[in-house]
Each structure stands twice: as structure tokens, then as C-alpha cells.
Amino acid sequence: MAGAISIEKSAEVMEKTFTILKQELNMEEYLIYLQVITPRLGDATRELQEKTKSLSLQEVFDGTKRMERGVIGAR
């Protein structure tokens, strides 16, 4: 795919994406997804590093698995 993508085509693809997501995700998952993709002010990478600096890779993995199973409340 070469060249710039039109605003109309971008809007069409985003609408299709949101339709699919609404069908496949429950309301909580859909809202979390929207939070994740919404631009934020500040340095998100630095903030994430600060929030996770005390976690081991295994803790991150375990937390992800708990979230997949719907068990909220890490650590």
C-alpha cells in the first residue's frame, strides 16, 4: 500500500474495527481497549516503567493471565 491514506478510508476502517471489537469484547474489555488507544498527555513510557519497576517478568506474566481469566486485582 503506497501513498497517503485518505481521511475517509481511515474513518471507514476505524468504524469497521470498532464494530468488530464491540461484537467480540464485553463492555469492560471494550472500555479498557479505548483507554489503551486514547492518546494521553505526558510520557507514557516513563510512567509505565515507574509503575512496573518493582515487578518481575513472571509477575507481569501472572498478572496478564489473571486478567485473561477475569480475576482482577493484581498482587
N, C-alpha and C. Protein backbone atom coordinates (compact mmCIF):
# COMPACT_ATOMS: atom_id res chain seq x y z
N MET A 1 0.86 -1.18 0.00
CA MET A 1 0.00 0.00 0.00
C MET A 1 0.90 1.23 0.00
N ALA A 2 0.87 2.01 -1.05
CA ALA A 2 1.74 3.17 -1.17
C ALA A 2 0.94 4.45 -1.08
N GLY A 3 1.61 5.52 -0.65
CA GLY A 3 0.96 6.82 -0.61
C GLY A 3 0.16 7.05 0.66
N ALA A 4 -0.40 8.25 0.72
CA ALA A 4 -1.18 8.64 1.89
C ALA A 4 -2.55 7.98 1.86
N ILE A 5 -3.07 7.71 3.03
CA ILE A 5 -4.40 7.13 3.16
C ILE A 5 -5.39 8.26 3.40
N SER A 6 -6.49 8.23 2.69
CA SER A 6 -7.47 9.31 2.82
C SER A 6 -8.14 9.27 4.19
N ILE A 7 -8.61 10.42 4.61
CA ILE A 7 -9.33 10.53 5.88
C ILE A 7 -10.58 9.67 5.83
N GLU A 8 -11.25 9.66 4.69
CA GLU A 8 -12.47 8.87 4.55
C GLU A 8 -12.18 7.38 4.72
N LYS A 9 -11.11 6.89 4.10
CA LYS A 9 -10.76 5.48 4.21
C LYS A 9 -10.35 5.15 5.65
N SER A 10 -9.62 6.04 6.29
CA SER A 10 -9.22 5.84 7.68
C SER A 10 -10.45 5.74 8.58
N ALA A 11 -11.41 6.63 8.36
CA ALA A 11 -12.64 6.62 9.17
C ALA A 11 -13.42 5.33 8.94
N GLU A 12 -13.46 4.87 7.69
CA GLU A 12 -14.17 3.64 7.36
C GLU A 12 -13.53 2.43 8.07
N VAL A 13 -12.21 2.38 8.04
CA VAL A 13 -11.50 1.27 8.69
C VAL A 13 -11.70 1.32 10.21
N MET A 14 -11.64 2.50 10.79
CA MET A 14 -11.84 2.62 12.24
C MET A 14 -13.25 2.22 12.64
N GLU A 15 -14.24 2.61 11.86
CA GLU A 15 -15.62 2.23 12.16
C GLU A 15 -15.79 0.72 12.08
N LYS A 16 -15.20 0.10 11.08
CA LYS A 16 -15.26 -1.35 10.95
C LYS A 16 -14.58 -2.03 12.14
N THR A 17 -13.43 -1.49 12.53
CA THR A 17 -12.70 -2.03 13.68
C THR A 17 -13.54 -1.96 14.94
N PHE A 18 -14.14 -0.80 15.21
CA PHE A 18 -14.95 -0.64 16.42
C PHE A 18 -16.17 -1.56 16.40
N THR A 19 -16.75 -1.78 15.23
CA THR A 19 -17.89 -2.69 15.12
C THR A 19 -17.47 -4.11 15.49
N ILE A 20 -16.34 -4.54 14.98
CA ILE A 20 -15.84 -5.88 15.30
C ILE A 20 -15.52 -5.99 16.78
N LEU A 21 -14.85 -4.99 17.33
CA LEU A 21 -14.48 -5.03 18.75
C LEU A 21 -15.71 -5.08 19.65
N LYS A 22 -16.73 -4.30 19.31
CA LYS A 22 -17.96 -4.31 20.11
C LYS A 22 -18.61 -5.69 20.11
N GLN A 23 -18.48 -6.41 19.00
CA GLN A 23 -19.06 -7.76 18.91
C GLN A 23 -18.24 -8.78 19.70
N GLU A 24 -16.93 -8.60 19.73
CA GLU A 24 -16.04 -9.60 20.31
C GLU A 24 -15.68 -9.36 21.77
N LEU A 25 -15.77 -8.11 22.23
CA LEU A 25 -15.38 -7.78 23.60
C LEU A 25 -16.61 -7.46 24.43
N ASN A 26 -16.54 -7.78 25.73
CA ASN A 26 -17.61 -7.31 26.60
C ASN A 26 -17.40 -5.82 26.87
N MET A 27 -18.33 -5.19 27.54
CA MET A 27 -18.27 -3.73 27.73
C MET A 27 -16.99 -3.31 28.46
N GLU A 28 -16.63 -4.04 29.51
CA GLU A 28 -15.42 -3.70 30.27
C GLU A 28 -14.18 -3.78 29.39
N GLU A 29 -14.07 -4.86 28.61
CA GLU A 29 -12.92 -5.03 27.72
C GLU A 29 -12.88 -3.93 26.66
N TYR A 30 -14.03 -3.58 26.14
CA TYR A 30 -14.10 -2.53 25.12
C TYR A 30 -13.64 -1.19 25.69
N LEU A 31 -14.08 -0.87 26.90
CA LEU A 31 -13.67 0.39 27.53
C LEU A 31 -12.18 0.40 27.84
N ILE A 32 -11.66 -0.74 28.27
CA ILE A 32 -10.21 -0.84 28.52
C ILE A 32 -9.46 -0.61 27.22
N TYR A 33 -9.92 -1.22 26.14
CA TYR A 33 -9.28 -1.03 24.84
C TYR A 33 -9.28 0.45 24.45
N LEU A 34 -10.41 1.11 24.61
CA LEU A 34 -10.48 2.53 24.26
C LEU A 34 -9.52 3.35 25.11
N GLN A 35 -9.39 3.01 26.39
CA GLN A 35 -8.43 3.71 27.26
C GLN A 35 -7.01 3.52 26.75
N VAL A 36 -6.70 2.30 26.35
CA VAL A 36 -5.34 1.98 25.91
C VAL A 36 -4.96 2.75 24.65
N ILE A 37 -5.88 2.89 23.71
CA ILE A 37 -5.53 3.54 22.44
C ILE A 37 -5.71 5.05 22.46
N THR A 38 -6.33 5.59 23.51
CA THR A 38 -6.56 7.03 23.59
C THR A 38 -5.26 7.74 23.94
N PRO A 39 -4.85 8.72 23.13
CA PRO A 39 -3.62 9.46 23.44
C PRO A 39 -3.72 10.15 24.80
N ARG A 40 -2.60 10.18 25.50
CA ARG A 40 -2.54 10.82 26.80
C ARG A 40 -1.44 11.88 26.80
N LEU A 41 -1.56 12.80 27.71
CA LEU A 41 -0.50 13.78 27.90
C LEU A 41 0.58 13.17 28.77
N GLY A 42 1.81 13.60 28.57
CA GLY A 42 2.90 13.10 29.40
C GLY A 42 3.69 12.01 28.70
N ASP A 43 4.60 11.43 29.45
CA ASP A 43 5.49 10.40 28.94
C ASP A 43 4.98 9.04 29.39
N ALA A 44 4.17 8.40 28.55
CA ALA A 44 3.54 7.13 28.92
C ALA A 44 4.58 6.04 29.15
N THR A 45 5.66 6.04 28.37
CA THR A 45 6.69 5.02 28.54
C THR A 45 7.35 5.14 29.91
N ARG A 46 7.69 6.35 30.29
CA ARG A 46 8.32 6.57 31.60
C ARG A 46 7.36 6.20 32.72
N GLU A 47 6.09 6.60 32.59
CA GLU A 47 5.09 6.28 33.62
C GLU A 47 4.93 4.77 33.76
N LEU A 48 4.90 4.05 32.65
CA LEU A 48 4.77 2.60 32.70
C LEU A 48 6.00 1.97 33.35
N GLN A 49 7.18 2.48 33.02
CA GLN A 49 8.40 1.96 33.64
C GLN A 49 8.38 2.17 35.15
N GLU A 50 7.92 3.35 35.59
CA GLU A 50 7.86 3.63 37.02
C GLU A 50 6.86 2.72 37.73
N LYS A 51 5.72 2.49 37.10
CA LYS A 51 4.68 1.66 37.72
C LYS A 51 5.07 0.19 37.78
N THR A 52 5.92 -0.25 36.87
CA THR A 52 6.25 -1.68 36.80
C THR A 52 7.68 -2.00 37.22
N LYS A 53 8.44 -1.03 37.70
CA LYS A 53 9.85 -1.27 38.00
C LYS A 53 10.07 -2.31 39.09
N SER A 54 9.11 -2.47 39.99
CA SER A 54 9.28 -3.45 41.07
C SER A 54 8.73 -4.83 40.70
N LEU A 55 8.21 -4.98 39.50
CA LEU A 55 7.63 -6.26 39.08
C LEU A 55 8.64 -7.09 38.29
N SER A 56 8.66 -8.38 38.58
CA SER A 56 9.48 -9.29 37.78
C SER A 56 8.69 -9.64 36.51
N LEU A 57 9.39 -10.21 35.56
CA LEU A 57 8.73 -10.65 34.33
C LEU A 57 7.66 -11.70 34.65
N GLN A 58 7.94 -12.57 35.61
CA GLN A 58 6.98 -13.59 36.00
C GLN A 58 5.72 -12.95 36.59
N GLU A 59 5.88 -11.90 37.40
CA GLU A 59 4.71 -11.22 37.98
C GLU A 59 3.86 -10.57 36.89
N VAL A 60 4.51 -9.99 35.90
CA VAL A 60 3.78 -9.40 34.78
C VAL A 60 3.02 -10.49 34.03
N PHE A 61 3.69 -11.60 33.78
CA PHE A 61 3.05 -12.73 33.09
C PHE A 61 1.86 -13.25 33.89
N ASP A 62 2.06 -13.46 35.19
CA ASP A 62 0.98 -13.95 36.05
C ASP A 62 -0.20 -12.98 36.09
N GLY A 63 0.09 -11.68 36.17
CA GLY A 63 -0.96 -10.67 36.17
C GLY A 63 -1.75 -10.68 34.87
N THR A 64 -1.05 -10.86 33.77
CA THR A 64 -1.72 -10.93 32.47
C THR A 64 -2.65 -12.14 32.41
N LYS A 65 -2.18 -13.27 32.91
CA LYS A 65 -3.01 -14.48 32.92
C LYS A 65 -4.25 -14.28 33.80
N ARG A 66 -4.09 -13.63 34.96
CA ARG A 66 -5.24 -13.36 35.83
C ARG A 66 -6.25 -12.47 35.13
N MET A 67 -5.77 -11.47 34.41
CA MET A 67 -6.67 -10.57 33.68
C MET A 67 -7.41 -11.33 32.59
N GLU A 68 -6.72 -12.23 31.90
CA GLU A 68 -7.37 -13.03 30.86
C GLU A 68 -8.49 -13.88 31.43
N ARG A 69 -8.28 -14.38 32.64
CA ARG A 69 -9.30 -15.22 33.29
C ARG A 69 -10.37 -14.39 33.97
N GLY A 70 -10.18 -13.08 34.02
CA GLY A 70 -11.18 -12.21 34.64
C GLY A 70 -10.99 -12.02 36.12
N VAL A 71 -9.83 -12.41 36.63
CA VAL A 71 -9.54 -12.23 38.05
C VAL A 71 -8.80 -10.91 38.18
N ILE A 72 -9.52 -9.87 38.60
CA ILE A 72 -8.94 -8.54 38.68
C ILE A 72 -8.34 -8.35 40.07
N GLY A 73 -7.30 -7.55 40.14
CA GLY A 73 -6.65 -7.26 41.42
C GLY A 73 -5.28 -7.90 41.49
N ALA A 74 -4.35 -7.35 40.75
CA ALA A 74 -3.00 -7.91 40.74
C ALA A 74 -2.28 -7.64 42.05
N ARG A 75 -1.43 -8.57 42.42
CA ARG A 75 -0.60 -8.52 43.62
C ARG A 75 -1.44 -8.59 44.81
